[in-house]
Amino acid sequence: MQIAVPKEIKNHEYRVALTPSGARELTERGHAVVVQAGAGEGAGFADEAYQAAGATIEADVDALFDGAELILKVKEPQPEEVARLRPQHTLFTYLHLAAEEPLTKGLLDSGATCIAYETITAPQGGLPLLAPMSTVAGRMAVQAGAHSLEKAQGGAGVLLPGVPGVPPAKVTVIGGGVVGENAARMALGLGADVSVLDKSIPRLETLDDRYQGRMKTVFSCADALEEAVRESDLIIGAVLVPGAAAPKLINRAMLSEMKPGAVLVDVAIDQGGCFETSRPTTHAEPTYVVDGVVHYCVANMPGAVARTSTQALTNATQPFVVALADKGWRRALGEDRHFAAGLNVHDGQLTYAAVGEAFSLPVISVDSVLG
């Protein structure tokens, strides 16, 4: 199979979808891997490392796309990349379509087959290709929040762990999943006063047992959210509805109840954000202030730690990439219903229900595509 790895072009995105070791595994299986010149540099992988692994380096991005059957990316395709997609292409990447109607319609118009990392499931439950980046984003959220609390960044000038005689910052994490647990774990490790809100009692029990009561577990309801808004120095939004738009849990009116210089970090921004006042930002300009509250809403947080993120992501994606290359997308998905859950778009038709609901678009079943 002809496999292409383009250089990511989203603002300050340094990850790459395939490591040299991943390229070697594919080339040794008889596949042709073509990597755009410089695609791995941001993550510390030189062109020469890909060539040593049997890949070809291509400087011309149009030629890269034109010769490809399978295209591997990290982030959702940008408009100029969407324009290069054709019906013969299988695109494998993060898509997050429920928050991006223009992208959804662009992919439908392209005729390409588009498989999303974030909607693939696992036999034991969970989202195995979202989990590694959720882990990174959760841990980074606390770093970002702590930095944003500094006065020079517009924050209240609060040190997360406090110091002897001065209490630590109050940190609330909304959502106790992979992102939320990793954020809470980091905040706890830094010495903050940490609370986790979630609607799942079993999940709260797990967190309480795992951390021996050192983080407060709170059932998420309107009263609990309002109390968190009033008392927290840092709130991290870590909610996820797989493949769907995130619910808006904190509205504009609630900001007036927050402490001046408090910080909101919206890790759900890829799915539209869980705060009403959230809008996507970049690593170049990561924050903005609304009603005295600092908002950090970078849509590709793990891109800032590209080396770690690339290694973690490709560890998870590699078996799926090999299956696509060895079997083709139709057989690979047909033999694995969990992999088939990743199919979002095929031949101008939408195959993921939550995206159809978000934009009132017709949806066909994955089974009807796979036959």
Protein backbone atom coordinates (compact mmCIF):
# COMPACT_ATOMS: atom_id res chain seq x y z
CA MET A 1 0.00 0.00 0.00
CA GLN A 2 1.09 3.59 -0.70
CA ILE A 3 1.17 5.35 2.68
CA ALA A 4 1.68 9.11 3.02
CA VAL A 5 2.68 11.07 6.13
CA PRO A 6 2.25 14.82 5.58
CA LYS A 7 3.74 17.49 7.79
CA GLU A 8 1.17 18.88 10.22
CA ILE A 9 0.24 22.47 9.41
CA LYS A 10 -2.10 23.40 12.26
CA ASN A 11 -0.76 26.33 14.29
CA HIS A 12 2.12 25.18 16.51
CA GLU A 13 1.46 21.50 15.83
CA TYR A 14 4.75 19.63 16.03
CA ARG A 15 3.61 16.02 16.27
CA VAL A 16 3.92 13.53 13.43
CA ALA A 17 1.66 10.55 12.70
CA LEU A 18 4.40 7.96 12.23
CA THR A 19 7.79 7.46 13.85
CA PRO A 20 10.78 6.05 11.97
CA SER A 21 10.34 2.75 13.83
CA GLY A 22 6.72 2.67 12.69
CA ALA A 23 7.83 3.35 9.13
CA ARG A 24 10.31 0.50 9.36
CA GLU A 25 7.60 -1.94 10.44
CA LEU A 26 5.49 -0.94 7.44
CA THR A 27 8.28 -1.03 4.87
CA GLU A 28 9.45 -4.42 6.12
CA ARG A 29 5.91 -5.67 5.45
CA GLY A 30 6.23 -4.55 1.83
CA HIS A 31 4.41 -1.21 2.00
CA ALA A 32 5.67 2.04 0.49
CA VAL A 33 5.93 4.88 3.01
CA VAL A 34 6.37 8.45 1.79
CA VAL A 35 7.03 11.15 4.38
CA GLN A 36 6.85 14.85 3.64
CA ALA A 37 10.22 16.56 4.09
CA GLY A 38 10.55 17.88 7.65
CA ALA A 39 7.38 16.16 8.91
CA GLY A 40 9.13 14.66 11.93
CA GLU A 41 11.48 17.49 12.83
CA GLY A 42 9.19 19.05 15.43
CA ALA A 43 9.09 15.76 17.31
CA GLY A 44 12.82 15.19 16.96
CA PHE A 45 12.79 12.75 14.02
CA ALA A 46 15.01 13.74 11.11
CA ASP A 47 14.32 12.88 7.48
CA GLU A 48 17.42 10.69 7.49
CA ALA A 49 15.89 8.49 10.21
CA TYR A 50 12.87 7.81 8.00
CA GLN A 51 15.11 7.07 5.03
CA ALA A 52 17.11 4.61 7.14
CA ALA A 53 13.77 2.94 7.95
CA GLY A 54 13.05 2.45 4.25
CA ALA A 55 10.75 5.44 3.72
CA THR A 56 10.95 7.96 0.89
CA ILE A 57 11.12 11.70 1.54
CA GLU A 58 8.92 13.93 -0.62
CA ALA A 59 9.15 17.72 -0.58
CA ASP A 60 6.14 18.32 -2.83
CA VAL A 61 2.97 17.99 -0.72
CA ASP A 62 0.74 17.78 -3.80
CA ALA A 63 2.75 14.84 -5.11
CA LEU A 64 2.58 13.27 -1.65
CA PHE A 65 -1.23 13.34 -1.63
CA ASP A 66 -1.59 12.42 -5.30
CA GLY A 67 0.34 9.17 -4.87
CA ALA A 68 -1.26 8.11 -1.60
CA GLU A 69 -3.83 5.47 -0.76
CA LEU A 70 -3.60 5.74 3.04
CA ILE A 71 -2.90 9.16 4.62
CA LEU A 72 -1.75 9.27 8.24
CA LYS A 73 -2.11 12.50 10.20
CA VAL A 74 -2.40 13.70 13.77
CA LYS A 75 -4.81 16.64 13.65
CA GLU A 76 -7.91 17.23 11.58
CA PRO A 77 -7.08 18.27 8.00
CA GLN A 78 -6.85 21.99 7.42
CA PRO A 79 -8.76 23.54 4.46
CA GLU A 80 -5.84 23.23 2.04
CA GLU A 81 -5.46 19.57 3.00
CA VAL A 82 -9.19 18.89 2.59
CA ALA A 83 -8.90 20.32 -0.92
CA ARG A 84 -6.28 17.64 -1.73
CA LEU A 85 -8.41 14.69 -0.62
CA ARG A 86 -9.89 12.40 -3.26
CA PRO A 87 -12.21 9.35 -3.25
CA GLN A 88 -9.22 6.98 -3.46
CA HIS A 89 -7.86 8.26 -0.14
CA THR A 90 -8.28 6.70 3.29
CA LEU A 91 -7.58 9.32 5.95
CA PHE A 92 -6.65 8.14 9.46
CA THR A 93 -6.36 10.91 12.05
CA TYR A 94 -8.14 12.80 14.83
CA LEU A 95 -11.24 14.44 13.34
CA HIS A 96 -13.53 15.75 16.14
CA LEU A 97 -16.19 16.48 13.54
CA ALA A 98 -19.03 17.31 15.93
CA ALA A 99 -17.42 20.69 16.58
CA GLU A 100 -16.52 21.42 12.94
CA GLU A 101 -19.38 21.67 10.45
CA PRO A 102 -17.28 23.16 7.59
CA LEU A 103 -14.73 20.35 7.99
CA THR A 104 -17.48 17.74 8.07
CA LYS A 105 -19.00 19.05 4.83
CA GLY A 106 -15.56 19.35 3.24
CA LEU A 107 -14.77 15.71 3.97
CA LEU A 108 -18.17 14.65 2.64
CA ASP A 109 -17.52 16.58 -0.56
CA SER A 110 -14.07 15.00 -0.95
CA GLY A 111 -15.46 11.47 -1.29
CA ALA A 112 -12.62 10.16 0.90
CA THR A 113 -12.93 7.46 3.54
CA CYS A 114 -12.21 9.10 6.90
CA ILE A 115 -11.47 7.12 10.07
CA ALA A 116 -11.22 9.00 13.37
CA TYR A 117 -8.80 7.98 16.09
CA GLU A 118 -11.10 9.35 18.78
CA THR A 119 -14.16 7.17 18.07
CA ILE A 120 -12.42 3.79 17.87
CA THR A 121 -13.43 1.70 20.87
CA ALA A 122 -11.84 -1.19 22.78
CA PRO A 123 -13.25 -4.59 23.84
CA GLN A 124 -12.71 -3.69 27.50
CA GLY A 125 -14.32 -0.28 27.04
CA GLY A 126 -12.79 3.14 26.56
CA LEU A 127 -11.23 4.92 23.61
CA PRO A 128 -7.74 3.48 23.09
CA LEU A 129 -6.46 6.04 20.57
CA LEU A 130 -7.83 9.02 22.48
CA ALA A 131 -6.51 7.84 25.84
CA PRO A 132 -2.79 8.58 25.31
CA MET A 133 -3.46 12.17 24.24
CA SER A 134 -6.04 12.55 27.00
CA THR A 135 -3.34 11.55 29.46
CA VAL A 136 -0.96 14.14 28.04
CA ALA A 137 -3.63 16.86 27.89
CA GLY A 138 -4.79 16.17 31.44
CA ARG A 139 -1.28 16.49 32.80
CA MET A 140 -0.56 19.57 30.70
CA ALA A 141 -3.80 21.23 31.82
CA VAL A 142 -2.40 21.70 35.30
CA GLN A 143 0.89 23.10 33.99
CA ALA A 144 -1.05 25.51 31.79
CA GLY A 145 -3.43 26.45 34.58
CA ALA A 146 -0.64 27.04 37.09
CA HIS A 147 1.18 29.29 34.60
CA SER A 148 -2.01 31.16 33.74
CA LEU A 149 -2.61 31.90 37.43
CA GLU A 150 0.56 33.99 37.47
CA LYS A 151 -0.11 37.72 37.61
CA ALA A 152 1.95 38.43 34.48
CA GLN A 153 -0.36 36.07 32.56
CA GLY A 154 -3.50 37.84 33.74
CA GLY A 155 -4.16 35.52 36.63
CA ALA A 156 -4.75 36.22 40.31
CA GLY A 157 -1.10 35.71 41.26
CA VAL A 158 -1.75 32.46 43.12
CA LEU A 159 0.84 29.70 43.56
CA LEU A 160 -0.82 26.32 43.17
CA PRO A 161 0.70 24.60 46.25
CA GLY A 162 0.80 27.70 48.43
CA VAL A 163 3.60 27.99 50.97
CA PRO A 164 3.80 27.42 54.73
CA GLY A 165 1.27 29.79 56.28
CA VAL A 166 -0.53 30.39 52.97
CA PRO A 167 -3.18 27.91 51.79
CA PRO A 168 -2.89 26.16 48.43
CA ALA A 169 -5.00 27.02 45.41
CA LYS A 170 -8.40 25.37 45.05
CA VAL A 171 -8.53 23.29 41.88
CA THR A 172 -11.73 21.76 40.53
CA VAL A 173 -11.66 19.16 37.77
CA ILE A 174 -14.99 18.59 36.00
CA GLY A 175 -15.00 15.01 34.74
CA GLY A 176 -13.26 12.02 36.27
CA GLY A 177 -12.22 10.17 33.11
CA VAL A 178 -8.73 9.83 31.67
CA VAL A 179 -8.22 13.59 31.26
CA GLY A 180 -9.77 14.41 34.61
CA GLU A 181 -7.88 11.82 36.61
CA ASN A 182 -4.55 12.84 35.12
CA ALA A 183 -5.27 16.51 35.76
CA ALA A 184 -6.32 15.82 39.35
CA ARG A 185 -3.28 13.62 39.89
CA MET A 186 -0.94 16.36 38.72
CA ALA A 187 -2.67 19.05 40.77
CA LEU A 188 -2.58 16.80 43.81
CA GLY A 189 1.11 16.11 43.28
CA LEU A 190 1.80 19.84 43.19
CA GLY A 191 0.07 20.28 46.53
CA ALA A 192 -3.19 21.92 45.46
CA ASP A 193 -6.55 21.47 47.18
CA VAL A 194 -8.23 19.26 44.58
CA SER A 195 -11.87 18.33 43.94
CA VAL A 196 -13.17 16.11 41.13
CA LEU A 197 -16.78 16.36 39.93
CA ASP A 198 -18.40 13.49 38.07
CA LYS A 199 -21.87 12.00 37.64
CA SER A 200 -20.67 8.40 37.96
CA ILE A 201 -20.68 7.16 41.56
CA PRO A 202 -18.59 4.07 40.64
CA ARG A 203 -15.98 6.35 39.05
CA LEU A 204 -15.90 8.59 42.13
CA GLU A 205 -15.52 5.49 44.32
CA THR A 206 -12.59 4.35 42.18
CA LEU A 207 -10.85 7.72 42.49
CA ASP A 208 -11.50 7.92 46.23
CA ASP A 209 -10.03 4.46 46.72
CA ARG A 210 -7.09 5.00 44.35
CA TYR A 211 -6.00 8.27 45.99
CA GLN A 212 -7.01 7.33 49.51
CA GLY A 213 -9.27 10.33 49.98
CA ARG A 214 -6.54 12.86 49.24
CA MET A 215 -8.66 14.39 46.47
CA LYS A 216 -12.25 15.33 47.19
CA THR A 217 -14.83 13.51 45.09
CA VAL A 218 -18.09 15.35 44.45
CA PHE A 219 -21.22 14.24 42.62
CA SER A 220 -21.71 16.71 39.78
CA CYS A 221 -24.93 18.70 39.99
CA ALA A 222 -25.94 22.34 39.59
CA ASP A 223 -25.23 23.18 43.24
CA ALA A 224 -21.79 21.56 43.12
CA LEU A 225 -20.89 23.42 39.92
CA GLU A 226 -22.03 26.74 41.37
CA GLU A 227 -19.97 26.18 44.51
CA ALA A 228 -16.92 25.27 42.40
CA VAL A 229 -17.36 28.44 40.35
CA ARG A 230 -17.43 30.59 43.49
CA GLU A 231 -14.53 28.96 45.32
CA SER A 232 -12.04 27.67 42.74
CA ASP A 233 -8.86 29.38 41.63
CA LEU A 234 -8.53 26.94 38.71
CA ILE A 235 -11.25 24.92 36.97
CA ILE A 236 -10.31 22.27 34.41
CA GLY A 237 -13.04 21.13 32.03
CA ALA A 238 -12.46 17.45 31.26
CA VAL A 239 -15.85 16.19 30.11
CA LEU A 240 -16.27 13.93 27.10
CA VAL A 241 -19.22 12.62 25.15
CA PRO A 242 -17.51 10.34 22.60
CA GLY A 243 -17.76 11.78 19.11
CA ALA A 244 -20.30 14.42 20.14
CA ALA A 245 -20.18 18.09 21.10
CA ALA A 246 -19.27 18.76 24.72
CA PRO A 247 -22.04 20.03 27.04
CA LYS A 248 -21.76 23.68 28.19
CA LEU A 249 -21.41 23.35 31.96
CA ILE A 250 -20.41 26.90 32.92
CA ASN A 251 -22.29 29.75 31.27
CA ARG A 252 -21.38 33.42 30.85
CA ALA A 253 -23.55 34.53 33.77
CA MET A 254 -21.63 32.24 36.14
CA LEU A 255 -18.33 34.00 35.41
CA SER A 256 -19.42 36.95 37.55
CA GLU A 257 -19.34 34.60 40.55
CA MET A 258 -15.71 33.59 39.95
CA LYS A 259 -12.73 35.11 41.72
CA PRO A 260 -10.98 37.85 39.72
CA GLY A 261 -8.01 36.28 37.97
CA ALA A 262 -9.37 32.74 38.27
CA VAL A 263 -8.52 30.40 35.39
CA LEU A 264 -10.59 28.09 33.19
CA VAL A 265 -8.73 25.41 31.20
CA ASP A 266 -11.02 23.80 28.63
CA VAL A 267 -9.57 20.45 27.57
CA ALA A 268 -12.85 19.69 25.77
CA ILE A 269 -12.30 22.50 23.27
CA ASP A 270 -11.67 19.97 20.48
CA GLN A 271 -15.31 18.98 20.90
CA GLY A 272 -16.60 22.55 21.07
CA GLY A 273 -15.67 23.26 24.67
CA CYS A 274 -17.55 22.80 27.95
CA PHE A 275 -17.68 26.47 28.93
CA GLU A 276 -20.02 28.86 27.11
CA THR A 277 -17.28 31.46 26.78
CA SER A 278 -14.71 29.04 25.33
CA ARG A 279 -13.27 29.52 21.85
CA PRO A 280 -10.29 27.70 20.35
CA THR A 281 -6.89 29.28 20.89
CA THR A 282 -3.37 28.35 19.80
CA HIS A 283 -0.02 27.88 21.47
CA ALA A 284 0.96 31.23 19.93
CA GLU A 285 -1.85 33.01 21.83
CA PRO A 286 -3.13 30.49 24.35
CA THR A 287 -5.27 32.65 26.62
CA TYR A 288 -7.84 35.43 26.66
CA VAL A 289 -9.84 37.09 29.42
CA VAL A 290 -13.62 37.30 29.74
CA ASP A 291 -15.14 39.16 32.70
CA GLY A 292 -11.87 38.96 34.61
CA VAL A 293 -11.51 35.19 34.14
CA VAL A 294 -8.53 33.79 32.19
CA HIS A 295 -9.48 31.19 29.57
CA TYR A 296 -6.93 28.66 28.26
CA CYS A 297 -8.48 26.85 25.29
CA VAL A 298 -5.65 25.51 23.14
CA ALA A 299 -7.13 22.94 20.78
CA ASN A 300 -3.96 20.88 20.37
CA MET A 301 -2.36 20.97 23.79
CA PRO A 302 -0.25 17.80 23.34
CA GLY A 303 1.41 19.40 20.30
CA ALA A 304 3.54 21.46 22.68
CA VAL A 305 5.26 18.32 23.96
CA ALA A 306 5.57 16.76 20.54
CA ARG A 307 8.26 14.19 21.29
CA THR A 308 6.39 12.61 24.19
CA SER A 309 3.02 12.94 22.45
CA THR A 310 4.19 11.43 19.16
CA GLN A 311 5.68 8.42 20.90
CA ALA A 312 2.59 7.90 23.06
CA LEU A 313 0.19 8.31 20.14
CA THR A 314 2.03 6.09 17.68
CA ASN A 315 2.43 3.36 20.29
CA ALA A 316 -1.37 3.19 20.28
CA THR A 317 -2.09 3.75 16.57
CA GLN A 318 0.55 1.46 15.07
CA PRO A 319 -1.44 -1.82 15.25
CA PHE A 320 -4.37 -0.12 13.52
CA VAL A 321 -2.12 1.39 10.85
CA VAL A 322 -0.63 -2.04 10.16
CA ALA A 323 -4.11 -3.56 9.88
CA LEU A 324 -5.18 -0.86 7.39
CA ALA A 325 -2.03 -1.34 5.33
CA ASP A 326 -2.08 -5.14 5.33
CA LYS A 327 -5.81 -5.66 4.82
CA GLY A 328 -7.21 -2.43 3.38
CA TRP A 329 -9.76 -0.37 5.29
CA ARG A 330 -12.84 -2.41 4.36
CA ARG A 331 -11.49 -5.74 5.53
CA ALA A 332 -9.71 -4.29 8.57
CA LEU A 333 -12.89 -2.61 9.80
CA GLY A 334 -15.08 -5.56 8.79
CA GLU A 335 -13.06 -7.91 10.98
CA ASP A 336 -13.05 -5.62 14.05
CA ARG A 337 -16.25 -3.90 15.14
CA HIS A 338 -14.32 -1.72 17.58
CA PHE A 339 -12.11 -0.47 14.75
CA ALA A 340 -15.24 0.01 12.62
CA ALA A 341 -16.53 2.51 15.21
CA GLY A 342 -13.84 4.86 13.91
CA LEU A 343 -15.44 5.23 10.49
CA ASN A 344 -16.98 8.73 10.30
CA VAL A 345 -17.19 9.50 6.57
CA HIS A 346 -17.22 7.37 3.41
CA ASP A 347 -17.97 8.21 -0.21
CA GLY A 348 -19.79 11.43 0.58
CA GLN A 349 -21.88 9.91 3.36
CA LEU A 350 -21.74 10.36 7.12
CA THR A 351 -21.45 7.19 9.19
CA TYR A 352 -21.23 8.52 12.77
CA ALA A 353 -24.57 9.28 14.42
CA ALA A 354 -23.41 11.91 16.91
CA VAL A 355 -21.98 14.06 14.11
CA GLY A 356 -25.18 13.78 12.13
CA GLU A 357 -27.16 14.87 15.18
CA ALA A 358 -24.87 17.86 15.71
CA PHE A 359 -25.51 19.24 12.22
CA SER A 360 -28.87 17.64 11.30
CA LEU A 361 -27.23 15.65 8.52
CA PRO A 362 -28.31 12.21 7.28
CA VAL A 363 -26.32 9.24 8.55
CA ILE A 364 -25.94 5.73 7.16
CA SER A 365 -24.85 2.73 9.21
CA VAL A 366 -21.31 1.44 9.18
CA ASP A 367 -22.71 -2.04 8.50
CA SER A 368 -24.31 -0.81 5.28
CA VAL A 369 -20.89 0.46 4.13
CA LEU A 370 -19.02 -2.69 5.08
CA GLY A 371 -21.70 -4.96 3.65
